[in-house]
Structures are given as C-alpha cells and as structure tokens.
C-alpha cells in the first residue's frame, strides 16, 4: 500500500486507525515491513529538483519491493535504475 499524505501519517483501517510519527523532521518518506510506503507530499515538494524528488520516492519502492535495508546500496540501485541522478563521492545523489 502506498500512502500519499503529510506527517504525522494517519491511516484509517476497518478496525481503527494507524498512526506514524517520524522520529525527526529530516524523514521525508518511509517504508514499513515492506508492505506500506508512506510518502510525505509536502516534504517531497521541498526537495530542490524533480530528479531528486523522483530518487527519494524510488528509494522507498526499492526498500519495500527489493527488500534492501542498506541505505548506500539502495542509493546505488536507484542511481542504476534512474538516469536522472548519480551517486557522488560522499554517497549522495547528484542531478545528471
């Protein structure tokens, strides 16, 4: 399930409500147990360029669908899948 909303996330389910509060303000998106992807629309739109926004979204899909937990590995996979970004020497995305 993919949820497009803003943090804190509130998800209504048939028997109640799920709530997720990120630990800090730097968290843009998150995946939970490889079945739930939470995308914070407001924070995504604050990312300075469209290629970087796309990369942050693809990261969560790579985490959830491919089961990748390592942040550096997931960044490298995203850079291989999406030609709009590359990884610099500090391990961060750069727009191509």
N, C-alpha and C. Protein backbone atom coordinates (compact mmCIF):
# COMPACT_ATOMS: atom_id res chain seq x y z
N UNK A 1 0.84 -1.16 0.00
CA UNK A 1 0.00 0.00 0.00
C UNK A 1 0.90 1.24 0.00
N UNK A 2 0.53 2.20 -0.81
CA UNK A 2 1.26 3.46 -0.87
C UNK A 2 0.33 4.55 -0.37
N UNK A 3 0.83 5.36 0.58
CA UNK A 3 0.04 6.44 1.14
C UNK A 3 0.72 7.76 0.81
N UNK A 4 -0.01 8.64 0.14
CA UNK A 4 0.46 10.00 -0.14
C UNK A 4 -0.25 10.91 0.84
N UNK A 5 0.51 11.52 1.75
CA UNK A 5 -0.08 12.34 2.79
C UNK A 5 1.01 13.25 3.36
N UNK A 6 0.78 13.77 4.54
CA UNK A 6 1.80 14.54 5.25
C UNK A 6 1.96 13.97 6.65
N UNK A 7 3.16 14.10 7.19
CA UNK A 7 3.42 13.59 8.54
C UNK A 7 2.78 14.52 9.57
N UNK A 8 2.31 13.98 10.67
CA UNK A 8 2.22 12.56 11.01
C UNK A 8 1.15 11.87 10.16
N UNK A 9 1.44 10.64 9.77
CA UNK A 9 0.54 9.89 8.90
C UNK A 9 -0.58 9.26 9.72
N UNK A 10 -1.80 9.40 9.27
CA UNK A 10 -2.98 8.79 9.89
C UNK A 10 -3.65 7.94 8.82
N UNK A 11 -3.75 6.64 9.07
CA UNK A 11 -4.31 5.73 8.09
C UNK A 11 -5.53 5.04 8.70
N UNK A 12 -6.67 5.26 8.10
CA UNK A 12 -7.89 4.62 8.58
C UNK A 12 -7.99 3.21 8.01
N UNK A 13 -8.22 2.26 8.89
CA UNK A 13 -8.46 0.87 8.51
C UNK A 13 -9.80 0.44 9.07
N UNK A 14 -10.30 -0.69 8.65
CA UNK A 14 -11.65 -1.10 9.04
C UNK A 14 -11.86 -1.20 10.55
N UNK A 15 -10.81 -1.58 11.27
CA UNK A 15 -10.99 -1.77 12.72
C UNK A 15 -10.35 -0.66 13.56
N UNK A 16 -9.93 0.43 12.94
CA UNK A 16 -9.33 1.52 13.72
C UNK A 16 -8.51 2.45 12.86
N UNK A 17 -7.46 3.00 13.48
CA UNK A 17 -6.60 3.95 12.79
C UNK A 17 -5.15 3.68 13.13
N UNK A 18 -4.29 3.68 12.11
CA UNK A 18 -2.85 3.56 12.31
C UNK A 18 -2.26 4.97 12.28
N UNK A 19 -1.26 5.18 13.11
CA UNK A 19 -0.62 6.49 13.17
C UNK A 19 0.90 6.29 13.14
N UNK A 20 1.58 7.10 12.33
CA UNK A 20 3.03 7.05 12.26
C UNK A 20 3.58 8.45 12.38
N UNK A 21 4.47 8.64 13.37
CA UNK A 21 5.13 9.92 13.59
C UNK A 21 6.63 9.73 13.36
N UNK A 22 7.20 10.35 12.31
CA UNK A 22 8.64 10.22 12.09
C UNK A 22 9.43 10.71 13.30
N UNK A 23 10.60 10.09 13.52
CA UNK A 23 11.44 10.44 14.66
C UNK A 23 11.98 11.85 14.60
N UNK A 24 12.23 12.32 13.36
CA UNK A 24 12.75 13.69 13.22
C UNK A 24 12.22 14.31 11.93
N UNK A 25 12.44 15.60 11.78
CA UNK A 25 11.91 16.33 10.63
C UNK A 25 12.64 16.04 9.33
N UNK A 26 13.78 15.35 9.40
CA UNK A 26 14.54 15.04 8.18
C UNK A 26 13.94 13.88 7.40
N UNK A 27 13.08 13.09 8.03
CA UNK A 27 12.46 11.95 7.36
C UNK A 27 11.46 12.46 6.34
N UNK A 28 11.67 12.09 5.08
CA UNK A 28 10.75 12.51 4.01
C UNK A 28 9.75 11.40 3.72
N UNK A 29 10.26 10.20 3.49
CA UNK A 29 9.44 9.04 3.15
C UNK A 29 9.89 7.87 4.01
N UNK A 30 9.03 6.87 4.13
CA UNK A 30 9.38 5.70 4.92
C UNK A 30 8.64 4.48 4.39
N UNK A 31 9.24 3.32 4.56
CA UNK A 31 8.54 2.08 4.27
C UNK A 31 8.46 1.28 5.56
N UNK A 32 7.39 0.54 5.71
CA UNK A 32 7.17 -0.24 6.93
C UNK A 32 6.92 -1.69 6.53
N UNK A 33 7.79 -2.58 7.04
CA UNK A 33 7.62 -4.02 6.84
C UNK A 33 7.43 -4.41 5.38
N UNK A 34 8.00 -3.68 4.47
CA UNK A 34 7.97 -3.98 3.05
C UNK A 34 6.56 -4.09 2.46
N UNK A 35 5.55 -3.58 3.17
CA UNK A 35 4.18 -3.62 2.65
C UNK A 35 3.51 -2.24 2.64
N UNK A 36 4.11 -1.28 3.32
CA UNK A 36 3.49 0.04 3.45
C UNK A 36 4.54 1.10 3.14
N UNK A 37 4.25 1.96 2.17
CA UNK A 37 5.15 3.06 1.81
C UNK A 37 4.42 4.36 2.11
N UNK A 38 5.03 5.19 2.93
CA UNK A 38 4.46 6.48 3.31
C UNK A 38 5.28 7.59 2.64
N UNK A 39 4.64 8.39 1.81
CA UNK A 39 5.30 9.47 1.10
C UNK A 39 4.74 10.80 1.59
N UNK A 40 5.60 11.64 2.15
CA UNK A 40 5.18 12.94 2.67
C UNK A 40 5.21 13.96 1.52
N UNK A 41 4.05 14.28 1.00
CA UNK A 41 3.94 15.15 -0.18
C UNK A 41 4.55 16.53 0.06
N UNK A 42 4.32 17.12 1.22
CA UNK A 42 4.87 18.45 1.50
C UNK A 42 6.40 18.43 1.50
N UNK A 43 6.99 17.43 2.12
CA UNK A 43 8.45 17.35 2.18
C UNK A 43 9.04 17.00 0.82
N UNK A 44 8.37 16.16 0.06
CA UNK A 44 8.85 15.82 -1.28
C UNK A 44 8.93 17.09 -2.12
N UNK A 45 7.92 17.94 -2.05
CA UNK A 45 7.90 19.15 -2.86
C UNK A 45 8.96 20.17 -2.43
N UNK A 46 9.53 20.01 -1.24
CA UNK A 46 10.61 20.89 -0.79
C UNK A 46 11.98 20.44 -1.28
N UNK A 47 12.08 19.23 -1.80
CA UNK A 47 13.33 18.75 -2.38
C UNK A 47 13.61 19.62 -3.60
N UNK A 48 14.85 20.11 -3.77
CA UNK A 48 15.12 21.18 -4.73
C UNK A 48 14.93 20.89 -6.22
N UNK A 49 14.91 19.64 -6.65
CA UNK A 49 14.75 19.38 -8.09
C UNK A 49 13.91 18.14 -8.31
N UNK A 50 13.28 18.07 -9.47
CA UNK A 50 12.44 16.93 -9.80
C UNK A 50 13.23 15.61 -9.81
N UNK A 51 14.44 15.55 -10.40
CA UNK A 51 15.17 14.28 -10.35
C UNK A 51 15.45 13.80 -8.92
N UNK A 52 15.74 14.72 -8.01
CA UNK A 52 15.97 14.31 -6.62
C UNK A 52 14.68 13.86 -5.96
N UNK A 53 13.56 14.50 -6.30
CA UNK A 53 12.27 14.07 -5.76
C UNK A 53 11.96 12.65 -6.23
N UNK A 54 12.19 12.40 -7.50
CA UNK A 54 11.94 11.06 -8.05
C UNK A 54 12.83 10.03 -7.36
N UNK A 55 14.09 10.38 -7.15
CA UNK A 55 15.02 9.45 -6.49
C UNK A 55 14.57 9.12 -5.07
N UNK A 56 14.08 10.11 -4.32
CA UNK A 56 13.64 9.83 -2.94
C UNK A 56 12.43 8.90 -2.92
N UNK A 57 11.56 9.04 -3.91
CA UNK A 57 10.40 8.16 -3.99
C UNK A 57 10.83 6.75 -4.41
N UNK A 58 11.70 6.67 -5.41
CA UNK A 58 12.19 5.36 -5.86
C UNK A 58 12.92 4.61 -4.75
N UNK A 59 13.60 5.35 -3.87
CA UNK A 59 14.29 4.71 -2.73
C UNK A 59 13.32 3.87 -1.91
N UNK A 60 12.17 4.43 -1.60
CA UNK A 60 11.22 3.70 -0.76
C UNK A 60 10.67 2.48 -1.47
N UNK A 61 10.44 2.60 -2.79
CA UNK A 61 9.99 1.42 -3.54
C UNK A 61 11.08 0.36 -3.58
N UNK A 62 12.33 0.77 -3.74
CA UNK A 62 13.43 -0.20 -3.74
C UNK A 62 13.56 -0.88 -2.38
N UNK A 63 13.43 -0.11 -1.31
CA UNK A 63 13.44 -0.70 0.04
C UNK A 63 12.34 -1.76 0.15
N UNK A 64 11.11 -1.38 -0.20
CA UNK A 64 9.96 -2.25 0.03
C UNK A 64 9.90 -3.41 -0.95
N UNK A 65 10.07 -3.16 -2.22
CA UNK A 65 9.89 -4.21 -3.22
C UNK A 65 11.10 -5.13 -3.31
N UNK A 66 12.30 -4.54 -3.23
CA UNK A 66 13.52 -5.35 -3.36
C UNK A 66 14.06 -5.83 -2.03
N UNK A 67 13.49 -5.35 -0.94
CA UNK A 67 13.93 -5.78 0.39
C UNK A 67 15.32 -5.28 0.75
N UNK A 68 15.71 -4.12 0.25
CA UNK A 68 17.04 -3.56 0.52
C UNK A 68 16.96 -2.70 1.77
N UNK A 69 17.75 -3.04 2.78
CA UNK A 69 17.78 -2.26 4.02
C UNK A 69 18.96 -1.30 4.09
N UNK A 70 20.02 -1.60 3.39
CA UNK A 70 21.24 -0.78 3.42
C UNK A 70 21.02 0.51 2.62
N UNK A 71 21.23 1.67 3.26
CA UNK A 71 20.97 2.95 2.62
C UNK A 71 21.91 3.23 1.44
N UNK A 72 23.19 2.90 1.58
CA UNK A 72 24.12 3.14 0.48
C UNK A 72 23.77 2.24 -0.71
N UNK A 73 23.47 0.98 -0.44
CA UNK A 73 23.10 0.06 -1.52
C UNK A 73 21.84 0.52 -2.22
N UNK A 74 20.85 0.94 -1.47
CA UNK A 74 19.60 1.37 -2.10
C UNK A 74 19.83 2.61 -2.95
N UNK A 75 20.71 3.51 -2.52
CA UNK A 75 21.04 4.69 -3.33
C UNK A 75 21.72 4.28 -4.63
N UNK A 76 22.60 3.31 -4.56
CA UNK A 76 23.29 2.84 -5.75
C UNK A 76 22.31 2.17 -6.72
N UNK A 77 21.38 1.41 -6.19
CA UNK A 77 20.36 0.76 -7.03
C UNK A 77 19.51 1.82 -7.72
N UNK A 78 19.07 2.83 -6.96
CA UNK A 78 18.25 3.90 -7.55
C UNK A 78 19.02 4.61 -8.66
N UNK A 79 20.30 4.90 -8.44
CA UNK A 79 21.11 5.57 -9.45
C UNK A 79 21.26 4.71 -10.71
N UNK A 80 21.29 3.39 -10.54
CA UNK A 80 21.36 2.50 -11.70
C UNK A 80 20.02 2.42 -12.44
N UNK A 81 18.92 2.48 -11.70
CA UNK A 81 17.60 2.38 -12.30
C UNK A 81 17.13 3.68 -12.93
N UNK A 82 17.55 4.81 -12.37
CA UNK A 82 17.05 6.12 -12.80
C UNK A 82 18.20 6.98 -13.30
N UNK A 83 18.19 7.28 -14.57
CA UNK A 83 19.30 8.01 -15.18
C UNK A 83 19.33 9.50 -14.83
N UNK A 84 18.38 9.99 -14.06
CA UNK A 84 18.34 11.40 -13.68
C UNK A 84 19.29 11.77 -12.55
N UNK A 85 19.83 10.74 -11.86
CA UNK A 85 20.75 11.01 -10.75
C UNK A 85 21.94 10.07 -10.81
N UNK A 86 22.99 10.46 -10.11
CA UNK A 86 24.15 9.59 -9.89
C UNK A 86 24.57 9.76 -8.44
N UNK A 87 25.45 8.90 -7.97
CA UNK A 87 25.95 8.97 -6.60
C UNK A 87 27.32 9.64 -6.64
N UNK A 88 27.51 10.67 -5.80
CA UNK A 88 28.82 11.34 -5.75
C UNK A 88 29.74 10.63 -4.76
N UNK A 89 30.94 11.16 -4.57
CA UNK A 89 31.94 10.52 -3.70
C UNK A 89 31.53 10.50 -2.23
N UNK A 90 30.56 11.32 -1.84
CA UNK A 90 30.05 11.32 -0.45
C UNK A 90 28.85 10.40 -0.28
N UNK A 91 28.49 9.70 -1.38
CA UNK A 91 27.36 8.78 -1.31
C UNK A 91 26.01 9.46 -1.41
N UNK A 92 25.98 10.69 -1.93
CA UNK A 92 24.73 11.46 -2.05
C UNK A 92 24.32 11.55 -3.52
N UNK A 93 23.04 11.77 -3.74
CA UNK A 93 22.56 11.95 -5.11
C UNK A 93 23.01 13.28 -5.68
N UNK A 94 23.32 13.25 -6.98
CA UNK A 94 23.57 14.46 -7.77
C UNK A 94 22.72 14.34 -9.01
N UNK A 95 22.17 15.48 -9.44
CA UNK A 95 21.39 15.51 -10.68
C UNK A 95 22.35 15.39 -11.85
N UNK A 96 22.00 14.55 -12.82
CA UNK A 96 22.85 14.35 -14.00
C UNK A 96 22.54 15.41 -15.03
